Amino acid sequence: MRLAVLATLFAAGLSLGLNGAKAEDALVGGGPQYLIDVGIGGLAKPKYPGADTYIIVPYPLFGVGRFYIPGVGQRESNAHGFYLYPSFGYQGERNPNDDNSLKGTKKVPWTLELGLGAGFKGQWLRGFGSIRQGINGTDGQVGDLGLDVVVPVTSAFDVAFGPRASFASTEYMETYFGVTGKEASKGSLSKYQPDGGFKSVGLAASASYSLTERTKLRFTGSWNRFVGDADKSPIVKAGSHDQWMAGIGITYRLGFNLFR
């Protein structure tokens, strides 16, 4: 696997529970209304969907430990119940020069994915799903489903792991896995027009270790296998059916108040 360096964007979700505390309980224990984790990390990921070459990208880390809404109350990130969160994604530009197998294909601009997710968290399990709208590189939609087992190994170290599934609209699939007749005539890939549906299944794991009360090391990793029309794509067949990702980062917790 060839490694290159590319700057890109990686965004994490913000969970806002709908079962928050009452407004008069917003400042339990006199602590800050908001606890925000911010940091930076490095991520190894495929150069483009279906690639067998990998890149290392820096990415910002962002999480919310406590969030207060006036008139509604306070939500703790470790609270059980239903929650909503904004969902973000990013795909870098795919250039025909990225790989010999892409010869003849058109350049796909970068894509920002914006959407919404929802989930439910219990003592040991959390399930979630999200859907995002593509902006710039594709006008299609993409989404994810997941289920995690959450294990607090020690007071300072916890892990989470579980299955994943990803689905996409026809337009999204055509952008990243389709090959037009014109593209096929210019290169070695055959013409291919995929339909929407599930595009991958896999496993993901994450872990965090508290170095201090405010500082944490964060680890993440995943494996995904293309399925359905994505797996049949000539782009995937020329690259890899298996997609791996691994990352490490560090975060610092900030606490503050905005309302009296």
Protein backbone atom coordinates (compact mmCIF):
# COMPACT_ATOMS: atom_id res chain seq x y z
CA MET A 1 0.00 0.00 0.00
CA ARG A 2 1.34 3.40 -1.01
CA LEU A 3 1.01 6.20 1.53
CA ALA A 4 0.62 9.85 0.63
CA VAL A 5 -0.26 12.90 2.71
CA LEU A 6 -3.40 14.92 2.07
CA ALA A 7 -5.14 17.53 4.20
CA THR A 8 -8.87 17.04 4.49
CA LEU A 9 -11.79 17.42 6.86
CA PHE A 10 -13.16 14.89 9.29
CA ALA A 11 -16.11 15.90 11.47
CA ALA A 12 -17.60 14.18 14.50
CA GLY A 13 -21.21 14.22 15.63
CA LEU A 14 -22.82 16.34 18.33
CA SER A 15 -25.44 14.47 20.36
CA LEU A 16 -28.42 16.43 21.64
CA GLY A 17 -30.80 14.30 23.69
CA LEU A 18 -34.54 14.84 23.64
CA ASN A 19 -34.94 13.44 27.13
CA GLY A 20 -32.83 16.09 28.86
CA ALA A 21 -33.21 17.25 32.43
CA LYS A 22 -35.66 19.91 33.49
CA ALA A 23 -34.53 23.52 33.18
CA GLU A 24 -34.22 23.95 36.93
CA ASP A 25 -31.78 21.02 37.00
CA ALA A 26 -29.53 22.54 34.33
CA LEU A 27 -26.63 23.23 36.66
CA VAL A 28 -26.44 20.01 38.61
CA GLY A 29 -23.52 20.15 41.02
CA GLY A 30 -22.72 23.70 39.99
CA GLY A 31 -20.63 22.51 37.05
CA PRO A 32 -20.30 24.27 33.69
CA GLN A 33 -23.25 24.27 31.30
CA TYR A 34 -21.06 23.08 28.42
CA LEU A 35 -18.25 20.54 28.28
CA ILE A 36 -16.58 20.42 24.86
CA ASP A 37 -13.77 18.10 23.73
CA VAL A 38 -11.55 19.51 20.97
CA GLY A 39 -8.41 18.04 19.45
CA ILE A 40 -6.59 16.76 16.39
CA GLY A 41 -5.51 13.40 15.04
CA GLY A 42 -4.15 11.48 12.08
CA LEU A 43 -6.18 9.07 9.95
CA ALA A 44 -5.10 6.42 7.43
CA LYS A 45 -7.84 5.79 4.85
CA PRO A 46 -8.32 4.71 1.21
CA LYS A 47 -7.34 7.37 -1.31
CA TYR A 48 -10.83 7.17 -2.84
CA PRO A 49 -13.79 4.77 -2.48
CA GLY A 50 -12.60 1.43 -3.85
CA ALA A 51 -8.90 2.30 -3.84
CA ASP A 52 -6.16 -0.12 -2.81
CA THR A 53 -3.80 2.78 -2.05
CA TYR A 54 -3.97 4.69 1.22
CA ILE A 55 -3.40 8.24 2.40
CA ILE A 56 -2.75 9.77 5.81
CA VAL A 57 -4.91 12.78 6.59
CA PRO A 58 -5.03 15.13 9.59
CA TYR A 59 -8.49 15.55 11.04
CA PRO A 60 -10.06 17.66 13.80
CA LEU A 61 -11.73 15.93 16.73
CA PHE A 62 -14.83 17.38 18.35
CA GLY A 63 -17.22 16.02 20.94
CA VAL A 64 -19.73 17.21 23.51
CA GLY A 65 -19.75 15.93 27.09
CA ARG A 66 -22.50 18.25 28.33
CA PHE A 67 -24.90 20.55 26.51
CA TYR A 68 -27.44 22.97 27.97
CA ILE A 69 -30.53 24.34 26.20
CA PRO A 70 -32.35 27.19 27.99
CA GLY A 71 -35.88 26.18 28.95
CA VAL A 72 -35.18 22.52 28.19
CA GLY A 73 -32.29 21.56 30.38
CA GLN A 74 -29.02 19.72 30.27
CA ARG A 75 -27.88 16.65 28.38
CA GLU A 76 -24.94 14.51 29.44
CA SER A 77 -23.16 12.50 26.74
CA ASN A 78 -23.20 9.40 28.94
CA ALA A 79 -26.95 9.63 29.61
CA HIS A 80 -29.18 6.79 28.43
CA GLY A 81 -32.04 7.26 25.99
CA PHE A 82 -32.82 8.69 22.58
CA TYR A 83 -30.56 11.30 21.00
CA LEU A 84 -30.12 13.31 17.81
CA TYR A 85 -26.89 14.53 16.27
CA PRO A 86 -25.71 16.35 13.15
CA SER A 87 -23.84 14.03 10.78
CA PHE A 88 -20.91 15.14 8.63
CA GLY A 89 -18.77 13.45 6.01
CA TYR A 90 -16.14 14.37 3.46
CA GLN A 91 -14.78 12.74 0.31
CA GLY A 92 -11.68 14.23 -1.24
CA GLU A 93 -11.25 14.86 -4.95
CA ARG A 94 -10.79 11.78 -7.15
CA ASN A 95 -8.42 12.44 -10.02
CA PRO A 96 -7.77 10.11 -13.01
CA ASN A 97 -4.08 10.47 -12.17
CA ASP A 98 -4.65 8.97 -8.71
CA ASP A 99 -4.33 5.44 -10.14
CA ASN A 100 -3.60 3.85 -13.51
CA SER A 101 -6.91 1.99 -13.32
CA LEU A 102 -8.78 5.33 -13.34
CA LYS A 103 -7.42 6.32 -16.74
CA GLY A 104 -10.21 7.74 -18.88
CA THR A 105 -12.54 8.56 -15.99
CA LYS A 106 -13.57 12.12 -15.27
CA LYS A 107 -12.37 14.02 -12.22
CA VAL A 108 -14.79 13.90 -9.26
CA PRO A 109 -14.61 17.09 -7.16
CA TRP A 110 -14.53 16.99 -3.37
CA THR A 111 -17.84 16.30 -1.66
CA LEU A 112 -19.10 17.65 1.65
CA GLU A 113 -21.83 15.53 3.25
CA LEU A 114 -24.28 17.19 5.65
CA GLY A 115 -27.14 15.47 7.43
CA LEU A 116 -28.77 14.25 10.60
CA GLY A 117 -28.51 11.15 12.74
CA ALA A 118 -30.49 9.56 15.55
CA GLY A 119 -29.74 6.85 18.06
CA PHE A 120 -30.55 5.18 21.34
CA LYS A 121 -28.07 4.51 24.12
CA GLY A 122 -28.44 1.93 26.88
CA GLN A 123 -26.03 0.78 29.57
CA TRP A 124 -23.98 -1.48 27.30
CA LEU A 125 -25.42 -0.89 23.83
CA ARG A 126 -25.97 2.02 21.49
CA GLY A 127 -27.61 1.91 18.09
CA PHE A 128 -27.66 4.72 15.57
CA GLY A 129 -28.37 5.69 11.99
CA SER A 130 -27.68 8.76 9.87
CA ILE A 131 -28.31 10.14 6.39
CA ARG A 132 -26.39 12.91 4.61
CA GLN A 133 -26.82 15.01 1.50
CA GLY A 134 -23.84 15.37 -0.83
CA ILE A 135 -22.72 18.87 -1.82
CA ASN A 136 -20.42 19.77 -4.74
CA GLY A 137 -19.01 16.43 -5.95
CA THR A 138 -22.36 14.64 -5.97
CA ASP A 139 -25.99 15.54 -5.34
CA GLY A 140 -26.73 12.05 -4.05
CA GLN A 141 -27.43 10.85 -0.52
CA VAL A 142 -25.48 8.45 1.69
CA GLY A 143 -26.20 6.99 5.11
CA ASP A 144 -24.93 4.66 7.82
CA LEU A 145 -26.34 2.22 10.37
CA GLY A 146 -24.44 0.94 13.39
CA LEU A 147 -24.68 -0.95 16.66
CA ASP A 148 -22.01 -0.79 19.36
CA VAL A 149 -21.20 -2.71 22.51
CA VAL A 150 -19.76 -0.17 24.96
CA VAL A 151 -17.30 -1.53 27.54
CA PRO A 152 -15.83 0.63 30.35
CA VAL A 153 -12.67 -1.43 30.93
CA THR A 154 -11.42 0.83 33.73
CA SER A 155 -12.33 4.28 35.02
CA ALA A 156 -9.79 5.71 32.55
CA PHE A 157 -10.15 3.37 29.57
CA ASP A 158 -13.23 2.41 27.55
CA VAL A 159 -13.84 0.69 24.23
CA ALA A 160 -16.77 0.36 21.83
CA PHE A 161 -17.16 -2.00 18.88
CA GLY A 162 -19.84 -3.33 16.58
CA PRO A 163 -21.20 -3.88 13.06
CA ARG A 164 -21.74 -1.20 10.42
CA ALA A 165 -23.72 -0.90 7.19
CA SER A 166 -23.72 1.90 4.64
CA PHE A 167 -26.25 2.71 1.92
CA ALA A 168 -26.46 5.31 -0.85
CA SER A 169 -28.77 6.68 -3.52
CA THR A 170 -28.40 5.87 -7.22
CA GLU A 171 -26.84 9.27 -7.93
CA TYR A 172 -24.23 8.82 -5.20
CA MET A 173 -23.41 5.31 -6.45
CA GLU A 174 -23.08 6.51 -10.05
CA THR A 175 -20.65 9.25 -8.97
CA TYR A 176 -18.20 6.96 -7.16
CA PHE A 177 -18.80 3.52 -8.68
CA GLY A 178 -20.28 4.11 -12.13
CA VAL A 179 -18.43 4.21 -15.47
CA THR A 180 -20.04 5.98 -18.43
CA GLY A 181 -19.72 4.78 -22.01
CA LYS A 182 -17.48 7.75 -22.79
CA GLU A 183 -15.18 6.92 -19.87
CA ALA A 184 -15.07 3.25 -20.88
CA SER A 185 -14.01 4.17 -24.42
CA LYS A 186 -11.03 6.14 -23.09
CA GLY A 187 -9.67 3.59 -20.62
CA SER A 188 -9.61 -0.04 -19.52
CA LEU A 189 -12.76 0.02 -17.37
CA SER A 190 -16.02 -1.35 -18.75
CA LYS A 191 -19.25 0.63 -18.80
CA TYR A 192 -21.23 0.24 -15.58
CA GLN A 193 -24.38 1.88 -14.18
CA PRO A 194 -25.08 0.98 -10.53
CA ASP A 195 -28.35 1.41 -8.66
CA GLY A 196 -28.85 2.70 -5.15
CA GLY A 197 -28.94 0.42 -2.11
CA PHE A 198 -26.58 -0.95 0.49
CA LYS A 199 -22.97 -0.42 -0.54
CA SER A 200 -20.90 -1.85 2.32
CA VAL A 201 -20.98 -3.80 5.57
CA GLY A 202 -18.26 -4.08 8.16
CA LEU A 203 -16.99 -3.64 11.70
CA ALA A 204 -15.78 -0.60 13.62
CA ALA A 205 -14.07 -0.05 16.96
CA SER A 206 -13.05 2.95 19.03
CA ALA A 207 -11.33 3.52 22.35
CA SER A 208 -10.37 6.38 24.62
CA TYR A 209 -7.81 6.63 27.41
CA SER A 210 -7.77 9.46 29.97
CA LEU A 211 -4.30 10.90 30.43
CA THR A 212 -5.61 13.57 32.81
CA GLU A 213 -9.05 14.80 33.88
CA ARG A 214 -9.18 16.94 30.72
CA THR A 215 -6.96 15.15 28.21
CA LYS A 216 -7.77 11.92 26.36
CA LEU A 217 -6.12 9.75 23.74
CA ARG A 218 -8.59 8.61 21.06
CA PHE A 219 -8.28 5.55 18.83
CA THR A 220 -10.49 4.45 15.95
CA GLY A 221 -10.44 1.70 13.36
CA SER A 222 -12.78 0.04 10.88
CA TRP A 223 -13.05 -2.54 8.12
CA ASN A 224 -15.73 -2.38 5.45
CA ARG A 225 -16.50 -4.76 2.57
CA PHE A 226 -18.35 -3.52 -0.50
CA VAL A 227 -21.63 -5.28 -1.29
CA GLY A 228 -24.33 -5.06 -3.94
CA ASP A 229 -23.82 -2.83 -6.95
CA ALA A 230 -20.81 -1.12 -5.35
CA ASP A 231 -19.00 -4.46 -5.11
CA LYS A 232 -19.66 -5.14 -8.82
CA SER A 233 -18.14 -1.83 -9.92
CA PRO A 234 -15.14 -2.04 -12.30
CA ILE A 235 -13.52 0.66 -10.14
CA VAL A 236 -13.72 -1.58 -7.07
CA LYS A 237 -12.63 -4.69 -9.00
CA ALA A 238 -9.54 -2.80 -10.20
CA GLY A 239 -8.85 -1.58 -6.67
CA SER A 240 -9.95 -3.34 -3.48
CA HIS A 241 -13.22 -4.80 -2.20
CA ASP A 242 -12.02 -4.27 1.38
CA GLN A 243 -11.57 -0.80 2.87
CA TRP A 244 -9.60 -0.24 6.07
CA MET A 245 -9.26 2.82 8.28
CA ALA A 246 -7.21 3.55 11.41
CA GLY A 247 -6.69 6.74 13.37
CA ILE A 248 -5.27 8.18 16.58
CA GLY A 249 -5.75 11.59 18.16
CA ILE A 250 -5.79 13.61 21.35
CA THR A 251 -8.51 15.84 22.81
CA TYR A 252 -8.69 18.48 25.53
CA ARG A 253 -11.90 19.21 27.46
CA LEU A 254 -13.12 22.80 27.82
CA GLY A 255 -15.87 23.83 30.26
CA PHE A 256 -17.81 27.10 30.18
CA ASN A 257 -21.17 28.81 30.82
CA LEU A 258 -23.23 30.90 28.40
CA PHE A 259 -26.42 31.45 30.41
CA ARG A 260 -27.12 32.59 33.96
